[in-house]
Amino acid sequence: MRKVALAGVLALAFGAAAQASEGVLDQTNPGGSAGLNGIGHQWQQEVTAGVRGRLAGVMLYGDGAVRVRIAEGEAYHTGPFAFDGLFEFAPQSLDGLFIDMRAANIILSAGDTFVIDLSESTNGYTGSVTPYAGGDLWLTGGGWPGPTNFTALYGTSLMFETFMEAVPEPSTWAMMIVGFGAAGSMIRRRPVAA
């Protein structure tokens, strides 16, 4: 009976931890679709990390190869960037490109502001005709004079989704520690076979 109880406690603890590590869809900025030319242009979307928890990742949409850079702070950001990588959007796919913020060692909590910088594209990105309330889309290059607030001019923003992971509250940690202590005491008090 004690082995079953211990197995149940461990399964609940590790099952909850595994589910939290994947992240939960927190905010999406779909709206109507708008094409954003990526060739010779640099786009920066300012984003405010979700409502609760810690930022797990960002899903981006587009076509072709792209350089993705991410930095904490507001747009227009000139560097340094905490993350810099070359990626390829899946051709003719609606799946998007997921950037795992945890693997990139970027730790942002709800309410923090960060910038998604897209450049060196072989094609383009999917934009939204619905302005994003948590930050503006900026454009440089391709004949545009300096950093231009594209959201202010055209009401357009980048199409993206953010995923948050739950951060256990102190009471949850306390309950888990008490549970492990109880499981340990059950194991320790096993009768010794004579």
Protein backbone atom coordinates (compact mmCIF):
# COMPACT_ATOMS: atom_id res chain seq x y z
CA MET A 1 0.00 0.00 0.00
CA ARG A 2 2.81 2.41 0.89
CA LYS A 3 4.59 1.70 -2.41
CA VAL A 4 1.42 2.57 -4.31
CA ALA A 5 0.99 5.81 -2.32
CA LEU A 6 4.63 6.77 -2.91
CA ALA A 7 4.33 6.02 -6.63
CA GLY A 8 1.19 8.16 -6.81
CA VAL A 9 2.86 11.13 -5.08
CA LEU A 10 5.90 10.92 -7.38
CA ALA A 11 3.75 10.56 -10.52
CA LEU A 12 1.75 13.65 -9.60
CA ALA A 13 4.86 15.71 -8.84
CA PHE A 14 6.76 14.74 -11.99
CA GLY A 15 3.66 14.80 -14.21
CA ALA A 16 2.87 18.37 -13.17
CA ALA A 17 6.48 19.42 -13.75
CA ALA A 18 6.50 17.89 -17.26
CA GLN A 19 3.24 19.60 -18.21
CA ALA A 20 4.45 23.01 -16.99
CA SER A 21 7.69 22.76 -19.00
CA GLU A 22 5.86 22.74 -22.35
CA GLY A 23 4.23 26.13 -21.90
CA VAL A 24 0.67 27.23 -22.49
CA LEU A 25 -0.58 29.51 -25.26
CA ASP A 26 -0.84 32.90 -23.58
CA GLN A 27 -1.44 35.52 -26.23
CA THR A 28 -1.96 35.50 -29.95
CA ASN A 29 -1.93 38.33 -32.43
CA PRO A 30 -3.64 36.89 -35.50
CA GLY A 31 -6.10 39.43 -36.94
CA GLY A 32 -6.30 39.53 -40.73
CA SER A 33 -3.19 38.44 -42.57
CA ALA A 34 -0.80 40.95 -44.16
CA GLY A 35 2.42 40.15 -46.00
CA LEU A 36 5.57 41.86 -44.74
CA ASN A 37 8.48 41.99 -47.20
CA GLY A 38 11.60 40.62 -45.54
CA ILE A 39 14.08 41.09 -48.40
CA GLY A 40 16.32 44.06 -47.59
CA HIS A 41 14.17 45.02 -44.60
CA GLN A 42 14.64 44.71 -40.86
CA TRP A 43 11.48 44.34 -38.77
CA GLN A 44 11.25 44.69 -34.99
CA GLN A 45 8.14 43.84 -32.99
CA GLU A 46 7.98 45.03 -29.40
CA VAL A 47 6.15 42.45 -27.26
CA THR A 48 4.99 42.46 -23.65
CA ALA A 49 5.36 39.00 -22.10
CA GLY A 50 2.05 37.42 -21.10
CA VAL A 51 -0.29 37.65 -18.20
CA ARG A 52 1.14 35.11 -15.69
CA GLY A 53 4.25 33.04 -15.28
CA ARG A 54 7.50 32.98 -17.25
CA LEU A 55 7.91 33.25 -21.02
CA ALA A 56 8.53 29.79 -22.52
CA GLY A 57 8.63 30.64 -26.21
CA VAL A 58 7.40 32.60 -29.21
CA MET A 59 5.81 31.29 -32.43
CA LEU A 60 6.52 33.29 -35.61
CA TYR A 61 5.05 32.93 -39.10
CA GLY A 62 6.59 33.51 -42.50
CA ASP A 63 8.34 31.89 -45.45
CA GLY A 64 11.99 31.28 -46.32
CA ALA A 65 15.15 31.78 -44.27
CA VAL A 66 15.36 34.41 -41.55
CA ARG A 67 17.71 35.75 -38.89
CA VAL A 68 15.88 36.00 -35.56
CA ARG A 69 17.34 38.10 -32.77
CA ILE A 70 15.73 38.73 -29.39
CA ALA A 71 16.56 41.34 -26.78
CA GLU A 72 15.00 42.51 -23.55
CA GLY A 73 13.69 46.06 -23.66
CA GLU A 74 11.73 48.27 -26.01
CA ALA A 75 11.88 48.81 -29.78
CA TYR A 76 13.69 50.22 -31.66
CA HIS A 77 16.61 48.16 -30.33
CA THR A 78 20.10 48.32 -31.85
CA GLY A 79 21.80 45.71 -29.64
CA PRO A 80 23.20 43.82 -27.99
CA PHE A 81 20.84 40.89 -28.52
CA ALA A 82 20.54 38.03 -26.03
CA PHE A 83 19.64 35.59 -28.80
CA ASP A 84 20.74 35.42 -32.46
CA GLY A 85 20.02 32.54 -34.83
CA LEU A 86 19.40 31.65 -38.47
CA PHE A 87 16.22 29.66 -39.15
CA GLU A 88 14.12 28.36 -42.02
CA PHE A 89 10.34 28.62 -42.02
CA ALA A 90 8.72 25.39 -43.20
CA PRO A 91 7.69 25.92 -46.85
CA GLN A 92 3.97 26.48 -47.39
CA SER A 93 3.29 25.65 -43.75
CA LEU A 94 0.92 27.19 -41.26
CA ASP A 95 2.79 25.59 -38.34
CA GLY A 96 5.08 28.52 -37.68
CA LEU A 97 8.58 28.70 -36.23
CA PHE A 98 8.86 28.17 -32.47
CA ILE A 99 11.68 29.99 -30.65
CA ASP A 100 12.28 28.34 -27.27
CA MET A 101 13.19 31.20 -24.94
CA ARG A 102 14.29 28.81 -22.18
CA ALA A 103 16.81 27.04 -24.43
CA ALA A 104 18.09 30.47 -25.46
CA ASN A 105 18.57 31.21 -21.74
CA ILE A 106 16.28 34.25 -21.87
CA ILE A 107 14.26 34.60 -18.67
CA LEU A 108 11.32 36.98 -18.90
CA SER A 109 8.37 37.22 -16.54
CA ALA A 110 4.85 38.44 -17.16
CA GLY A 111 4.87 42.15 -17.97
CA ASP A 112 8.50 42.29 -19.18
CA THR A 113 9.06 43.88 -22.58
CA PHE A 114 11.20 42.31 -25.29
CA VAL A 115 11.96 42.81 -28.99
CA ILE A 116 11.75 40.26 -31.81
CA ASP A 117 14.12 41.37 -34.58
CA LEU A 118 13.73 39.76 -38.03
CA SER A 119 16.25 40.39 -40.81
CA GLU A 120 18.21 38.78 -43.67
CA SER A 121 15.07 37.09 -44.98
CA THR A 122 14.90 35.26 -48.29
CA ASN A 123 11.17 35.98 -48.47
CA GLY A 124 8.92 37.56 -45.84
CA TYR A 125 6.78 37.34 -42.74
CA THR A 126 3.14 37.13 -41.89
CA GLY A 127 1.78 40.33 -40.43
CA SER A 128 -1.51 41.18 -38.80
CA VAL A 129 -3.82 44.04 -39.75
CA THR A 130 -4.84 44.13 -36.08
CA PRO A 131 -2.45 46.33 -34.09
CA TYR A 132 -0.89 44.59 -31.09
CA ALA A 133 -1.69 46.46 -27.87
CA GLY A 134 1.54 45.40 -26.11
CA GLY A 135 4.01 47.07 -28.50
CA ASP A 136 4.63 48.45 -31.99
CA LEU A 137 6.15 47.06 -35.19
CA TRP A 138 9.18 48.97 -36.51
CA LEU A 139 10.80 48.87 -39.95
CA THR A 140 14.20 49.92 -41.34
CA GLY A 141 15.93 49.37 -44.67
CA GLY A 142 14.50 49.02 -48.14
CA GLY A 143 14.40 52.79 -48.69
CA TRP A 144 12.59 53.64 -45.45
CA PRO A 145 14.16 56.62 -43.65
CA GLY A 146 15.55 55.38 -40.33
CA PRO A 147 13.43 53.37 -37.89
CA THR A 148 9.76 53.82 -38.87
CA ASN A 149 6.86 52.94 -36.57
CA PHE A 150 4.85 50.78 -38.98
CA THR A 151 2.05 50.23 -36.44
CA ALA A 152 1.49 53.98 -36.05
CA LEU A 153 1.45 54.50 -39.84
CA TYR A 154 -0.55 51.48 -41.00
CA GLY A 155 -2.03 49.75 -37.94
CA THR A 156 -0.01 46.63 -38.77
CA SER A 157 1.93 44.32 -36.47
CA LEU A 158 3.76 41.02 -36.66
CA MET A 159 1.68 37.84 -36.40
CA PHE A 160 2.96 35.84 -33.42
CA GLU A 161 1.97 33.80 -30.38
CA THR A 162 3.58 33.71 -26.96
CA PHE A 163 3.67 30.71 -24.64
CA MET A 164 4.05 30.98 -20.87
CA GLU A 165 5.00 28.38 -18.30
CA ALA A 166 3.53 28.40 -14.85
CA VAL A 167 5.75 29.46 -11.98
CA PRO A 168 4.69 27.60 -8.84
CA GLU A 169 3.48 29.81 -6.02
CA PRO A 170 5.20 29.57 -2.63
CA SER A 171 2.26 27.61 -1.17
CA THR A 172 2.64 25.02 -3.96
CA TRP A 173 6.35 24.62 -3.19
CA ALA A 174 5.56 24.23 0.53
CA MET A 175 2.93 21.58 -0.18
CA MET A 176 5.32 19.68 -2.46
CA ILE A 177 8.12 19.75 0.14
CA VAL A 178 5.75 18.49 2.85
CA GLY A 179 4.59 15.73 0.48
CA PHE A 180 8.13 14.60 -0.25
CA GLY A 181 8.90 14.69 3.48
CA ALA A 182 5.85 12.52 4.21
CA ALA A 183 6.82 10.07 1.47
CA GLY A 184 10.37 9.91 2.85
CA SER A 185 9.14 9.25 6.37
CA MET A 186 6.89 6.44 5.10
CA ILE A 187 9.89 4.80 3.45
CA ARG A 188 12.08 5.29 6.52
CA ARG A 189 9.55 3.76 8.93
CA ARG A 190 9.24 0.50 7.06
CA PRO A 191 9.43 -2.47 9.44
CA VAL A 192 12.76 -4.25 9.34
CA ALA A 193 12.48 -7.90 8.30
CA ALA A 194 13.74 -10.23 11.02
